[in-house]
């Protein structure tokens, strides 16, 4: 019986904070990127186990106590060991991220954002909320859009990769919590429109984004954002 080659997860160390001394935002980005990589590898390893029709706790021995001949024991044990290591790494990164993000958002910006034009976007003055109230445009962005999934609420709102978010439902660079505060705003706003102030290629744009689960992808926004 032939078996598929075992999945080979990457064995990369977690980002070392000493390598990012004086650059807290780059350290936070590195942690978030590593967390995304870990998540993908965990899913791949779970697929490997599923392809063998076993789980993390399935016995690999037959009723007489011998290794089962219908299974690729080496590949399964290899995948299980890697899965345990990656889950532990994910826990470590998840513990480090809140502190890193707090440090990133409390640090002064290393470079200023070019002064954007104040042209209206989507028929609404860029610093005016839908109810007509004036909203102050923050000087610094709080986040940067990394990825926007197709057919997602973020795409429907007009958000694009590379957009700089200066205000997300009132959360700005001067707010406490940073991305965690944005996540909290999203989690309590299912089905409700959120006001975003965005700069794209020097142009100020106001968008309305409505978090919605069940759109066919992960999360309720369908986008990935990073510290600005």
N, C-alpha and C. Protein backbone atom coordinates (compact mmCIF):
# COMPACT_ATOMS: atom_id res chain seq x y z
N UNK A 1 0.85 -1.19 0.00
CA UNK A 1 0.00 0.00 0.00
C UNK A 1 0.89 1.24 0.00
N UNK A 2 0.57 2.20 -0.87
CA UNK A 2 1.36 3.43 -0.92
C UNK A 2 0.63 4.53 -0.17
N UNK A 3 1.41 5.41 0.46
CA UNK A 3 0.84 6.50 1.22
C UNK A 3 1.38 7.82 0.69
N UNK A 4 0.63 8.92 0.82
CA UNK A 4 1.13 10.22 0.39
C UNK A 4 2.29 10.66 1.25
N UNK A 5 3.15 11.52 0.68
CA UNK A 5 4.27 12.03 1.44
C UNK A 5 3.75 12.87 2.61
N UNK A 6 4.36 12.77 3.79
CA UNK A 6 3.89 13.54 4.94
C UNK A 6 4.06 15.04 4.71
N UNK A 7 3.11 15.80 5.23
CA UNK A 7 3.18 17.26 5.14
C UNK A 7 4.36 17.75 5.97
N UNK A 8 5.14 18.68 5.40
CA UNK A 8 6.32 19.21 6.08
C UNK A 8 6.05 20.65 6.50
N UNK A 9 5.63 20.89 7.76
CA UNK A 9 5.40 22.26 8.19
C UNK A 9 6.72 23.00 8.35
N UNK A 10 6.67 24.32 8.17
CA UNK A 10 7.88 25.10 8.39
C UNK A 10 8.21 25.13 9.87
N UNK A 11 9.48 25.18 10.17
CA UNK A 11 9.91 25.19 11.57
C UNK A 11 10.62 26.51 11.84
N UNK A 12 9.85 27.61 11.76
CA UNK A 12 10.42 28.93 11.94
C UNK A 12 10.29 29.36 13.40
N UNK A 13 11.32 30.03 13.94
CA UNK A 13 11.21 30.55 15.31
C UNK A 13 10.24 31.72 15.36
N UNK A 14 9.72 31.98 16.53
CA UNK A 14 8.85 33.14 16.68
C UNK A 14 9.68 34.41 16.59
N UNK A 15 9.09 35.51 16.13
CA UNK A 15 9.83 36.76 16.03
C UNK A 15 10.48 37.14 17.36
N UNK A 16 11.74 37.56 17.30
CA UNK A 16 12.49 37.94 18.49
C UNK A 16 12.33 39.45 18.70
N UNK A 17 11.78 39.87 19.84
CA UNK A 17 11.59 41.31 20.05
C UNK A 17 12.90 42.10 20.00
N UNK A 18 14.02 41.48 20.35
CA UNK A 18 15.29 42.18 20.31
C UNK A 18 15.70 42.54 18.88
N UNK A 19 15.20 41.75 17.92
CA UNK A 19 15.51 42.05 16.52
C UNK A 19 14.72 43.25 16.01
N UNK A 20 13.70 43.68 16.78
CA UNK A 20 12.87 44.81 16.38
C UNK A 20 12.97 45.94 17.40
N UNK A 21 14.10 46.05 18.05
CA UNK A 21 14.28 47.08 19.06
C UNK A 21 14.07 48.47 18.45
N UNK A 22 13.20 49.24 19.07
CA UNK A 22 12.88 50.56 18.56
C UNK A 22 11.87 50.56 17.43
N UNK A 23 11.38 49.39 17.04
CA UNK A 23 10.40 49.28 15.96
C UNK A 23 9.21 48.43 16.42
N UNK A 24 8.44 48.91 17.39
CA UNK A 24 7.34 48.10 17.94
C UNK A 24 6.28 47.74 16.92
N UNK A 25 6.05 48.60 15.92
CA UNK A 25 5.02 48.29 14.93
C UNK A 25 5.48 47.15 14.01
N UNK A 26 6.76 47.14 13.66
CA UNK A 26 7.26 46.05 12.83
C UNK A 26 7.22 44.73 13.59
N UNK A 27 7.49 44.78 14.89
CA UNK A 27 7.42 43.57 15.71
C UNK A 27 5.98 43.04 15.75
N UNK A 28 5.01 43.97 15.91
CA UNK A 28 3.60 43.55 15.93
C UNK A 28 3.21 42.94 14.59
N UNK A 29 3.66 43.56 13.49
CA UNK A 29 3.37 43.01 12.16
C UNK A 29 3.96 41.61 12.01
N UNK A 30 5.20 41.42 12.50
CA UNK A 30 5.85 40.11 12.38
C UNK A 30 5.08 39.05 13.17
N UNK A 31 4.59 39.42 14.35
CA UNK A 31 3.81 38.47 15.15
C UNK A 31 2.51 38.11 14.44
N UNK A 32 1.84 39.10 13.88
CA UNK A 32 0.57 38.83 13.19
C UNK A 32 0.80 37.96 11.96
N UNK A 33 1.88 38.23 11.24
CA UNK A 33 2.19 37.41 10.06
C UNK A 33 2.48 35.97 10.47
N UNK A 34 3.27 35.81 11.55
CA UNK A 34 3.58 34.45 12.01
C UNK A 34 2.32 33.73 12.47
N UNK A 35 1.41 34.44 13.12
CA UNK A 35 0.16 33.83 13.57
C UNK A 35 -0.65 33.34 12.37
N UNK A 36 -0.70 34.16 11.30
CA UNK A 36 -1.41 33.74 10.09
C UNK A 36 -0.78 32.48 9.49
N UNK A 37 0.57 32.44 9.46
CA UNK A 37 1.27 31.27 8.92
C UNK A 37 0.97 30.03 9.76
N UNK A 38 0.95 30.21 11.09
CA UNK A 38 0.66 29.08 11.98
C UNK A 38 -0.74 28.56 11.73
N UNK A 39 -1.70 29.46 11.58
CA UNK A 39 -3.09 29.05 11.35
C UNK A 39 -3.20 28.22 10.07
N UNK A 40 -2.52 28.65 9.02
CA UNK A 40 -2.57 27.93 7.74
C UNK A 40 -1.95 26.54 7.89
N UNK A 41 -0.84 26.44 8.63
CA UNK A 41 -0.18 25.15 8.80
C UNK A 41 -1.02 24.21 9.67
N UNK A 42 -1.69 24.77 10.67
CA UNK A 42 -2.57 23.95 11.50
C UNK A 42 -3.69 23.35 10.65
N UNK A 43 -4.27 24.17 9.78
CA UNK A 43 -5.34 23.67 8.91
C UNK A 43 -4.81 22.58 7.97
N UNK A 44 -3.57 22.78 7.45
CA UNK A 44 -3.00 21.79 6.55
C UNK A 44 -2.76 20.47 7.28
N UNK A 45 -2.29 20.54 8.52
CA UNK A 45 -2.04 19.32 9.30
C UNK A 45 -3.34 18.61 9.65
N UNK A 46 -4.38 19.37 9.93
CA UNK A 46 -5.68 18.75 10.20
C UNK A 46 -6.22 18.06 8.94
N UNK A 47 -5.93 18.65 7.78
CA UNK A 47 -6.33 18.01 6.53
C UNK A 47 -5.57 16.70 6.33
N UNK A 48 -4.28 16.68 6.73
CA UNK A 48 -3.49 15.45 6.62
C UNK A 48 -4.12 14.35 7.47
N UNK A 49 -4.47 14.67 8.71
CA UNK A 49 -5.09 13.67 9.58
C UNK A 49 -6.44 13.23 9.02
N UNK A 50 -7.20 14.19 8.49
CA UNK A 50 -8.51 13.84 7.93
C UNK A 50 -8.36 12.93 6.72
N UNK A 51 -7.28 13.13 5.93
CA UNK A 51 -7.08 12.29 4.75
C UNK A 51 -6.81 10.84 5.14
N UNK A 52 -6.31 10.63 6.35
CA UNK A 52 -6.08 9.28 6.86
C UNK A 52 -7.27 8.78 7.69
N UNK A 53 -8.30 9.63 7.78
CA UNK A 53 -9.51 9.30 8.54
C UNK A 53 -9.19 9.04 10.01
N UNK A 54 -8.29 9.86 10.55
CA UNK A 54 -7.97 9.79 11.97
C UNK A 54 -7.99 11.21 12.54
N UNK A 55 -8.07 11.29 13.86
CA UNK A 55 -7.99 12.57 14.54
C UNK A 55 -6.80 12.57 15.48
N UNK A 56 -6.63 13.64 16.26
CA UNK A 56 -5.49 13.72 17.17
C UNK A 56 -5.46 12.60 18.22
N UNK A 57 -6.63 12.02 18.55
CA UNK A 57 -6.69 11.02 19.61
C UNK A 57 -6.99 9.61 19.10
N UNK A 58 -7.14 9.42 17.80
CA UNK A 58 -7.47 8.10 17.27
C UNK A 58 -6.33 7.11 17.53
N UNK A 59 -6.68 5.93 18.02
CA UNK A 59 -5.66 4.91 18.29
C UNK A 59 -5.05 4.39 16.98
N UNK A 60 -3.74 4.23 17.00
CA UNK A 60 -3.02 3.71 15.82
C UNK A 60 -2.71 2.22 15.96
N UNK A 61 -3.27 1.57 16.98
CA UNK A 61 -3.03 0.15 17.22
C UNK A 61 -4.29 -0.65 16.94
N UNK A 62 -4.07 -1.88 16.49
CA UNK A 62 -5.21 -2.76 16.26
C UNK A 62 -5.63 -3.40 17.58
N UNK A 63 -6.71 -4.18 17.61
CA UNK A 63 -7.18 -4.79 18.86
C UNK A 63 -6.13 -5.65 19.55
N UNK A 64 -5.14 -6.16 18.80
CA UNK A 64 -4.10 -6.99 19.41
C UNK A 64 -2.90 -6.19 19.87
N UNK A 65 -2.96 -4.90 19.71
CA UNK A 65 -1.88 -4.05 20.19
C UNK A 65 -0.77 -3.79 19.20
N UNK A 66 -0.96 -4.17 17.94
CA UNK A 66 0.06 -3.95 16.91
C UNK A 66 -0.30 -2.71 16.09
N UNK A 67 0.70 -2.05 15.50
CA UNK A 67 0.40 -0.90 14.64
C UNK A 67 -0.53 -1.29 13.50
N UNK A 68 -1.50 -0.48 13.24
CA UNK A 68 -2.46 -0.76 12.19
C UNK A 68 -1.79 -0.73 10.82
N UNK A 69 -2.03 -1.76 10.04
CA UNK A 69 -1.41 -1.86 8.73
C UNK A 69 -2.07 -1.01 7.67
N UNK A 70 -3.26 -0.48 7.97
CA UNK A 70 -3.97 0.33 6.98
C UNK A 70 -3.67 1.81 7.10
N UNK A 71 -2.75 2.16 8.02
CA UNK A 71 -2.44 3.57 8.24
C UNK A 71 -0.95 3.84 8.02
N UNK A 72 -0.66 5.04 7.59
CA UNK A 72 0.74 5.50 7.50
C UNK A 72 1.10 6.06 8.86
N UNK A 73 1.58 5.18 9.73
CA UNK A 73 1.84 5.54 11.12
C UNK A 73 2.82 6.69 11.22
N UNK A 74 3.87 6.66 10.42
CA UNK A 74 4.89 7.70 10.49
C UNK A 74 4.30 9.07 10.16
N UNK A 75 3.53 9.14 9.07
CA UNK A 75 2.96 10.41 8.65
C UNK A 75 2.00 10.95 9.70
N UNK A 76 1.20 10.06 10.29
CA UNK A 76 0.22 10.49 11.28
C UNK A 76 0.91 10.99 12.54
N UNK A 77 1.92 10.24 13.01
CA UNK A 77 2.64 10.68 14.21
C UNK A 77 3.38 11.99 13.95
N UNK A 78 3.95 12.11 12.77
CA UNK A 78 4.65 13.34 12.39
C UNK A 78 3.68 14.52 12.40
N UNK A 79 2.50 14.33 11.82
CA UNK A 79 1.51 15.40 11.76
C UNK A 79 1.01 15.75 13.16
N UNK A 80 0.79 14.75 13.99
CA UNK A 80 0.31 15.02 15.35
C UNK A 80 1.34 15.80 16.17
N UNK A 81 2.61 15.42 16.06
CA UNK A 81 3.65 16.12 16.81
C UNK A 81 3.77 17.57 16.34
N UNK A 82 3.73 17.77 15.02
CA UNK A 82 3.81 19.13 14.49
C UNK A 82 2.60 19.95 14.90
N UNK A 83 1.43 19.30 14.95
CA UNK A 83 0.20 20.00 15.32
C UNK A 83 0.28 20.49 16.76
N UNK A 84 0.79 19.65 17.66
CA UNK A 84 0.93 20.05 19.06
C UNK A 84 1.87 21.25 19.17
N UNK A 85 3.00 21.20 18.45
CA UNK A 85 3.97 22.30 18.51
C UNK A 85 3.35 23.59 17.99
N UNK A 86 2.62 23.50 16.87
CA UNK A 86 2.05 24.70 16.28
C UNK A 86 0.94 25.29 17.14
N UNK A 87 0.14 24.44 17.76
CA UNK A 87 -0.91 24.95 18.66
C UNK A 87 -0.27 25.69 19.84
N UNK A 88 0.83 25.14 20.36
CA UNK A 88 1.55 25.82 21.44
C UNK A 88 2.12 27.15 20.97
N UNK A 89 2.67 27.16 19.74
CA UNK A 89 3.20 28.41 19.18
C UNK A 89 2.09 29.44 19.00
N UNK A 90 0.93 28.98 18.55
CA UNK A 90 -0.19 29.91 18.37
C UNK A 90 -0.61 30.52 19.70
N UNK A 91 -0.62 29.71 20.75
CA UNK A 91 -0.96 30.22 22.08
C UNK A 91 0.04 31.27 22.53
N UNK A 92 1.33 30.99 22.28
CA UNK A 92 2.37 31.94 22.67
C UNK A 92 2.22 33.26 21.92
N UNK A 93 2.01 33.17 20.60
CA UNK A 93 1.85 34.38 19.80
C UNK A 93 0.61 35.15 20.24
N UNK A 94 -0.48 34.45 20.52
CA UNK A 94 -1.71 35.10 20.96
C UNK A 94 -1.51 35.83 22.28
N UNK A 95 -0.65 35.29 23.14
CA UNK A 95 -0.35 35.96 24.42
C UNK A 95 0.53 37.18 24.22
N UNK A 96 1.43 37.12 23.21
CA UNK A 96 2.35 38.23 22.96
C UNK A 96 1.70 39.38 22.21
N UNK A 97 0.73 39.07 21.36
CA UNK A 97 0.16 40.08 20.47
C UNK A 97 -0.48 41.28 21.19
N UNK A 98 -1.31 41.07 22.23
CA UNK A 98 -1.92 42.25 22.85
C UNK A 98 -0.89 43.25 23.37
N UNK A 99 0.18 42.74 23.99
CA UNK A 99 1.23 43.63 24.51
C UNK A 99 1.94 44.33 23.36
N UNK A 100 2.22 43.56 22.28
CA UNK A 100 2.93 44.14 21.14
C UNK A 100 2.09 45.21 20.45
N UNK A 101 0.79 44.95 20.31
CA UNK A 101 -0.09 45.92 19.66
C UNK A 101 -0.23 47.18 20.51
N UNK A 102 -0.30 47.00 21.82
CA UNK A 102 -0.39 48.16 22.69
C UNK A 102 0.86 49.03 22.55
N UNK A 103 2.04 48.37 22.50
CA UNK A 103 3.29 49.11 22.33
C UNK A 103 3.34 49.78 20.96
N UNK A 104 2.81 49.10 19.94
CA UNK A 104 2.84 49.65 18.59
C UNK A 104 2.00 50.91 18.49
N UNK A 105 0.83 50.91 19.12
CA UNK A 105 -0.06 52.05 18.99
C UNK A 105 0.29 53.18 19.95
N UNK A 106 1.08 52.89 20.98
CA UNK A 106 1.50 53.95 21.88
C UNK A 106 2.77 54.62 21.40
N UNK A 107 3.45 54.01 20.40
CA UNK A 107 4.68 54.58 19.87
C UNK A 107 4.35 55.68 18.88
N UNK A 108 5.17 56.72 18.81
CA UNK A 108 4.94 57.78 17.82
C UNK A 108 5.17 57.26 16.42
N UNK A 109 4.44 57.80 15.46
CA UNK A 109 4.61 57.38 14.06
C UNK A 109 5.98 57.79 13.58
N UNK A 110 6.63 56.90 12.82
CA UNK A 110 7.97 57.17 12.33
C UNK A 110 7.94 58.03 11.08
N UNK A 111 6.84 58.05 10.38
CA UNK A 111 6.74 58.88 9.19
C UNK A 111 5.33 59.40 9.05
N UNK A 112 5.18 60.64 8.66
CA UNK A 112 3.86 61.24 8.54
C UNK A 112 3.19 60.83 7.26
N UNK A 113 1.88 60.79 7.30
CA UNK A 113 1.11 60.51 6.10
C UNK A 113 0.97 61.79 5.29
N UNK A 114 1.26 61.77 3.98
CA UNK A 114 1.12 62.98 3.17
C UNK A 114 -0.26 63.58 3.32
N UNK A 115 -0.29 64.88 3.38
CA UNK A 115 -1.57 65.55 3.57
C UNK A 115 -2.52 65.22 2.44
N UNK A 116 -3.63 64.53 2.73
CA UNK A 116 -4.57 64.13 1.69
C UNK A 116 -5.46 65.27 1.26
N UNK A 117 -5.97 65.16 0.06
CA UNK A 117 -6.94 66.15 -0.40
C UNK A 117 -8.25 65.92 0.32
N UNK A 118 -9.11 66.89 0.28
CA UNK A 118 -10.38 66.79 1.01
C UNK A 118 -11.55 66.62 0.05
N UNK A 119 -11.33 65.94 -1.07
CA UNK A 119 -12.42 65.75 -2.03
C UNK A 119 -13.49 64.83 -1.45
N UNK A 120 -14.75 65.08 -1.75
CA UNK A 120 -15.81 64.19 -1.28
C UNK A 120 -15.67 62.80 -1.90
N UNK A 121 -16.18 61.80 -1.21
CA UNK A 121 -16.15 60.43 -1.72
C UNK A 121 -17.55 59.85 -1.65
N UNK A 122 -17.96 59.16 -2.70
CA UNK A 122 -19.26 58.50 -2.75
C UNK A 122 -20.40 59.48 -2.49
N UNK A 123 -20.22 60.72 -2.89
CA UNK A 123 -21.30 61.68 -2.76
C UNK A 123 -21.44 62.26 -1.37
N UNK A 124 -20.52 61.93 -0.43
CA UNK A 124 -20.60 62.44 0.94
C UNK A 124 -19.32 63.18 1.23
N UNK A 125 -19.42 64.36 1.84
CA UNK A 125 -18.21 65.07 2.22
C UNK A 125 -17.38 64.18 3.11
N UNK A 126 -16.06 64.12 2.86
CA UNK A 126 -15.21 63.12 3.49
C UNK A 126 -15.16 63.24 4.99
N UNK A 127 -15.42 64.42 5.55
CA UNK A 127 -15.38 64.55 7.01
C UNK A 127 -16.77 64.82 7.57
N UNK A 128 -17.81 64.33 6.87
CA UNK A 128 -19.18 64.48 7.32
C UNK A 128 -19.81 63.10 7.48
N UNK A 129 -20.42 62.84 8.61
CA UNK A 129 -21.06 61.55 8.84
C UNK A 129 -22.38 61.52 8.10
N UNK A 130 -22.98 60.31 7.90
CA UNK A 130 -24.23 60.20 7.15
C UNK A 130 -25.36 61.05 7.70
N UNK A 131 -25.37 61.33 9.02
CA UNK A 131 -26.45 62.13 9.58
C UNK A 131 -26.17 63.63 9.49
N UNK A 132 -25.06 63.99 8.80
CA UNK A 132 -24.78 65.39 8.57
C UNK A 132 -23.86 66.02 9.57
N UNK A 133 -23.48 65.29 10.64
CA UNK A 133 -22.58 65.84 11.64
C UNK A 133 -21.15 65.89 11.13
N UNK A 134 -20.44 66.92 11.52
CA UNK A 134 -19.03 67.02 11.14
C UNK A 134 -18.20 66.09 12.00
N UNK A 135 -17.26 65.39 11.37
CA UNK A 135 -16.37 64.49 12.11
C UNK A 135 -14.93 64.90 11.83
N UNK A 136 -14.18 65.11 12.88
CA UNK A 136 -12.79 65.54 12.74
C UNK A 136 -11.97 64.42 12.11
N UNK A 137 -11.15 64.78 11.12
CA UNK A 137 -10.33 63.79 10.44
C UNK A 137 -9.02 63.60 11.20
N UNK A 138 -8.74 62.41 11.74
CA UNK A 138 -7.50 62.18 12.48
C UNK A 138 -6.28 62.37 11.59
N UNK A 139 -5.20 62.88 12.19
CA UNK A 139 -3.97 63.13 11.42
C UNK A 139 -3.27 61.84 11.02
N UNK A 140 -3.33 60.82 11.90
CA UNK A 140 -2.57 59.59 11.66
C UNK A 140 -3.52 58.41 11.47
N UNK A 141 -3.15 57.47 10.60
CA UNK A 141 -3.98 56.28 10.43
C UNK A 141 -3.84 55.34 11.62
N UNK A 142 -4.89 54.60 11.90
CA UNK A 142 -4.87 53.62 12.97
C UNK A 142 -4.55 52.23 12.43
N UNK A 143 -4.84 51.99 11.14
CA UNK A 143 -4.64 50.65 10.58
C UNK A 143 -4.47 50.75 9.07
N UNK A 144 -3.93 49.68 8.52
CA UNK A 144 -3.75 49.58 7.07
C UNK A 144 -4.41 48.30 6.59
N UNK A 145 -5.15 48.36 5.49
CA UNK A 145 -5.82 47.19 4.95
C UNK A 145 -4.81 46.34 4.20
N UNK A 146 -4.69 45.09 4.59
CA UNK A 146 -3.73 44.18 3.97
C UNK A 146 -4.37 43.36 2.85
N UNK A 147 -5.52 42.75 3.15
CA UNK A 147 -6.20 41.87 2.19
C UNK A 147 -7.71 42.13 2.27
N UNK A 148 -8.36 42.12 1.12
CA UNK A 148 -9.82 42.18 1.05
C UNK A 148 -10.31 40.99 0.25
N UNK A 149 -11.16 40.17 0.85
CA UNK A 149 -11.66 38.97 0.18
C UNK A 149 -12.76 39.34 -0.81
N UNK A 150 -12.82 38.56 -1.88
CA UNK A 150 -13.86 38.78 -2.88
C UNK A 150 -15.23 38.48 -2.30
N UNK A 151 -16.22 39.26 -2.70
CA UNK A 151 -17.62 39.08 -2.30
C UNK A 151 -17.84 39.24 -0.80
N UNK A 152 -16.93 39.92 -0.14
CA UNK A 152 -17.03 40.11 1.31
C UNK A 152 -17.73 41.43 1.63
N UNK A 153 -18.17 41.61 2.88
CA UNK A 153 -18.72 42.91 3.28
C UNK A 153 -17.73 44.05 3.07
N UNK A 154 -16.44 43.79 3.29
CA UNK A 154 -15.44 44.83 3.09
C UNK A 154 -15.37 45.25 1.63
N UNK A 155 -15.41 44.28 0.72
CA UNK A 155 -15.38 44.61 -0.71
C UNK A 155 -16.65 45.36 -1.10
N UNK A 156 -17.78 44.93 -0.56
CA UNK A 156 -19.05 45.59 -0.89
C UNK A 156 -19.04 47.05 -0.42
N UNK A 157 -18.33 47.32 0.67
CA UNK A 157 -18.26 48.69 1.18
C UNK A 157 -17.31 49.56 0.37
N UNK A 158 -16.47 48.93 -0.47
CA UNK A 158 -15.52 49.69 -1.27
C UNK A 158 -14.12 49.72 -0.70
N UNK A 159 -13.87 48.98 0.36
CA UNK A 159 -12.54 48.94 0.96
C UNK A 159 -11.58 48.21 0.03
N UNK A 160 -10.34 48.69 -0.05
CA UNK A 160 -9.33 48.10 -0.93
C UNK A 160 -8.03 47.88 -0.18
N UNK A 161 -7.27 46.86 -0.62
CA UNK A 161 -5.96 46.61 -0.03
C UNK A 161 -5.08 47.85 -0.21
N UNK A 162 -4.38 48.21 0.85
CA UNK A 162 -3.53 49.39 0.82
C UNK A 162 -4.18 50.62 1.40
N UNK A 163 -5.51 50.58 1.61
CA UNK A 163 -6.19 51.72 2.22
C UNK A 163 -5.66 51.98 3.62
N UNK A 164 -5.50 53.24 3.96
CA UNK A 164 -5.12 53.63 5.33
C UNK A 164 -6.37 54.07 6.07
N UNK A 165 -6.68 53.39 7.16
CA UNK A 165 -7.88 53.69 7.93
C UNK A 165 -7.52 54.69 9.02
N UNK A 166 -8.09 55.89 8.94
CA UNK A 166 -7.83 56.92 9.95
C UNK A 166 -8.85 56.86 11.08
N UNK A 167 -10.02 56.35 10.79
CA UNK A 167 -11.03 56.16 11.82
C UNK A 167 -11.88 54.96 11.46
N UNK A 168 -12.06 54.05 12.41
CA UNK A 168 -12.89 52.86 12.21
C UNK A 168 -13.95 52.88 13.30
N UNK A 169 -15.15 53.32 12.95
CA UNK A 169 -16.24 53.41 13.92
C UNK A 169 -15.83 54.24 15.13
N UNK A 170 -15.05 55.31 14.88
CA UNK A 170 -14.61 56.18 15.96
C UNK A 170 -13.29 55.79 16.60
N UNK A 171 -12.76 54.61 16.28
CA UNK A 171 -11.46 54.19 16.81
C UNK A 171 -10.37 54.81 15.95
N UNK A 172 -9.48 55.57 16.58
CA UNK A 172 -8.41 56.25 15.87
C UNK A 172 -7.06 55.88 16.47
N UNK A 173 -5.99 56.45 15.90
CA UNK A 173 -4.64 56.17 16.39
C UNK A 173 -4.45 56.63 17.83
N UNK A 174 -5.23 57.61 18.25
CA UNK A 174 -5.11 58.11 19.62
C UNK A 174 -6.02 57.37 20.59
N UNK A 175 -6.84 56.46 20.10
CA UNK A 175 -7.71 55.67 20.97
C UNK A 175 -6.91 54.57 21.67
N UNK A 176 -7.37 54.15 22.82
CA UNK A 176 -6.73 53.03 23.51
C UNK A 176 -7.25 51.72 22.93
N UNK A 177 -6.37 50.75 22.84
CA UNK A 177 -6.80 49.43 22.38
C UNK A 177 -6.43 49.11 20.95
N UNK A 178 -6.35 50.11 20.06
CA UNK A 178 -5.94 49.86 18.69
C UNK A 178 -6.81 48.84 17.99
N UNK A 179 -6.16 47.80 17.42
CA UNK A 179 -6.90 46.78 16.67
C UNK A 179 -7.88 46.02 17.55
N UNK A 180 -7.55 45.89 18.83
CA UNK A 180 -8.49 45.21 19.73
C UNK A 180 -9.77 46.02 19.86
N UNK A 181 -9.65 47.34 19.91
CA UNK A 181 -10.84 48.19 19.99
C UNK A 181 -11.66 48.09 18.70
N UNK A 182 -10.96 47.99 17.56
CA UNK A 182 -11.67 47.81 16.29
C UNK A 182 -12.42 46.48 16.30
N UNK A 183 -11.74 45.42 16.76
CA UNK A 183 -12.38 44.11 16.84
C UNK A 183 -13.61 44.13 17.73
N UNK A 184 -13.52 44.86 18.85
CA UNK A 184 -14.67 44.95 19.76
C UNK A 184 -15.83 45.68 19.09
N UNK A 185 -15.52 46.74 18.34
CA UNK A 185 -16.57 47.48 17.64
C UNK A 185 -17.26 46.61 16.61
N UNK A 186 -16.47 45.79 15.90
CA UNK A 186 -17.04 44.91 14.88
C UNK A 186 -17.93 43.84 15.52
N UNK A 187 -17.45 43.26 16.62
CA UNK A 187 -18.18 42.15 17.24
C UNK A 187 -19.55 42.57 17.78
N UNK A 188 -19.69 43.84 18.13
CA UNK A 188 -20.98 44.29 18.67
C UNK A 188 -21.83 45.01 17.63
N UNK A 189 -21.41 44.94 16.36
CA UNK A 189 -22.12 45.70 15.32
C UNK A 189 -22.59 44.84 14.16
N UNK A 190 -22.87 43.57 14.40
CA UNK A 190 -23.38 42.69 13.35
C UNK A 190 -24.65 43.29 12.74
N UNK A 191 -24.60 43.51 11.42
CA UNK A 191 -25.75 44.04 10.72
C UNK A 191 -25.92 45.55 10.81
N UNK A 192 -25.01 46.22 11.52
CA UNK A 192 -25.09 47.67 11.66
C UNK A 192 -23.97 48.35 10.87
N UNK A 193 -24.29 49.47 10.25
CA UNK A 193 -23.32 50.19 9.42
C UNK A 193 -22.31 50.92 10.29
N UNK A 194 -21.02 50.76 9.95
CA UNK A 194 -19.93 51.43 10.66
C UNK A 194 -19.29 52.46 9.73
N UNK A 195 -18.97 53.62 10.28
CA UNK A 195 -18.38 54.69 9.49
C UNK A 195 -16.85 54.56 9.50
N UNK A 196 -16.25 54.56 8.30
CA UNK A 196 -14.80 54.48 8.16
C UNK A 196 -14.29 55.73 7.43
N UNK A 197 -13.22 56.29 7.93
CA UNK A 197 -12.52 57.38 7.26
C UNK A 197 -11.21 56.83 6.72
N UNK A 198 -11.08 56.83 5.41
CA UNK A 198 -9.98 56.13 4.73
C UNK A 198 -9.22 57.10 3.83
N UNK A 199 -7.91 56.89 3.73
CA UNK A 199 -7.10 57.62 2.76
C UNK A 199 -6.57 56.63 1.74
N UNK A 200 -6.81 56.92 0.46
CA UNK A 200 -6.36 56.06 -0.62
C UNK A 200 -5.68 56.93 -1.68
N UNK A 201 -4.39 56.70 -1.86
CA UNK A 201 -3.61 57.46 -2.85
C UNK A 201 -3.76 58.96 -2.63
N UNK A 202 -3.75 59.37 -1.35
CA UNK A 202 -3.82 60.78 -1.03
C UNK A 202 -5.22 61.37 -0.99
N UNK A 203 -6.23 60.55 -1.26
CA UNK A 203 -7.61 61.04 -1.28
C UNK A 203 -8.37 60.55 -0.06
N UNK A 204 -9.07 61.47 0.56
CA UNK A 204 -9.91 61.12 1.70
C UNK A 204 -11.23 60.51 1.22
N UNK A 205 -11.57 59.38 1.81
CA UNK A 205 -12.78 58.66 1.39
C UNK A 205 -13.53 58.21 2.64
N UNK A 206 -14.83 58.41 2.64
CA UNK A 206 -15.68 57.91 3.72
C UNK A 206 -16.46 56.70 3.24
N UNK A 207 -16.41 55.61 3.99
CA UNK A 207 -17.09 54.38 3.62
C UNK A 207 -18.03 53.93 4.73
N UNK A 208 -19.02 53.16 4.35
CA UNK A 208 -19.94 52.55 5.30
C UNK A 208 -19.79 51.04 5.21
N UNK A 209 -19.32 50.42 6.28
CA UNK A 209 -19.05 48.98 6.29
C UNK A 209 -19.98 48.30 7.29
N UNK A 210 -20.68 47.27 6.82
CA UNK A 210 -21.63 46.55 7.67
C UNK A 210 -21.13 45.13 7.94
N UNK A 211 -20.67 44.82 9.16
CA UNK A 211 -20.23 43.46 9.48
C UNK A 211 -21.37 42.47 9.28
N UNK A 212 -21.04 41.33 8.67
CA UNK A 212 -22.08 40.34 8.36
C UNK A 212 -21.48 38.95 8.31
N UNK A 213 -21.94 38.09 9.17
CA UNK A 213 -21.51 36.69 9.13
C UNK A 213 -22.32 35.94 8.07
N UNK A 214 -21.78 34.82 7.63
CA UNK A 214 -22.49 33.99 6.67
C UNK A 214 -22.37 34.46 5.24
N UNK A 215 -21.38 35.33 4.95
CA UNK A 215 -21.23 35.82 3.57
C UNK A 215 -20.45 34.85 2.69
N UNK A 216 -19.91 33.78 3.30
CA UNK A 216 -19.20 32.76 2.52
C UNK A 216 -17.73 32.66 2.81
N UNK A 217 -17.24 33.47 3.74
CA UNK A 217 -15.83 33.44 4.10
C UNK A 217 -15.65 33.60 5.60
N UNK A 218 -14.38 33.81 6.01
CA UNK A 218 -14.06 33.90 7.43
C UNK A 218 -14.34 35.30 7.96
N UNK A 219 -14.78 35.35 9.21
CA UNK A 219 -15.03 36.62 9.86
C UNK A 219 -16.27 37.32 9.34
N UNK A 220 -16.56 38.47 9.92
CA UNK A 220 -17.75 39.21 9.51
C UNK A 220 -17.42 40.38 8.60
N UNK A 221 -16.11 40.62 8.34
CA UNK A 221 -15.72 41.71 7.44
C UNK A 221 -15.16 41.20 6.14
N UNK A 222 -14.36 40.12 6.19
CA UNK A 222 -13.74 39.61 4.99
C UNK A 222 -12.52 40.41 4.57
N UNK A 223 -11.83 40.97 5.57
CA UNK A 223 -10.60 41.69 5.27
C UNK A 223 -9.61 41.48 6.42
N UNK A 224 -8.34 41.74 6.12
CA UNK A 224 -7.29 41.63 7.12
C UNK A 224 -6.62 42.98 7.24
N UNK A 225 -6.55 43.50 8.46
CA UNK A 225 -5.91 44.79 8.66
C UNK A 225 -4.74 44.66 9.60
N UNK A 226 -3.77 45.55 9.43
CA UNK A 226 -2.54 45.56 10.22
C UNK A 226 -2.39 46.92 10.88
N UNK A 227 -1.55 47.00 11.92
CA UNK A 227 -1.25 48.33 12.47
C UNK A 227 -0.66 49.22 11.38
N UNK A 228 -1.04 50.48 11.39
CA UNK A 228 -0.55 51.40 10.35
C UNK A 228 0.92 51.75 10.57
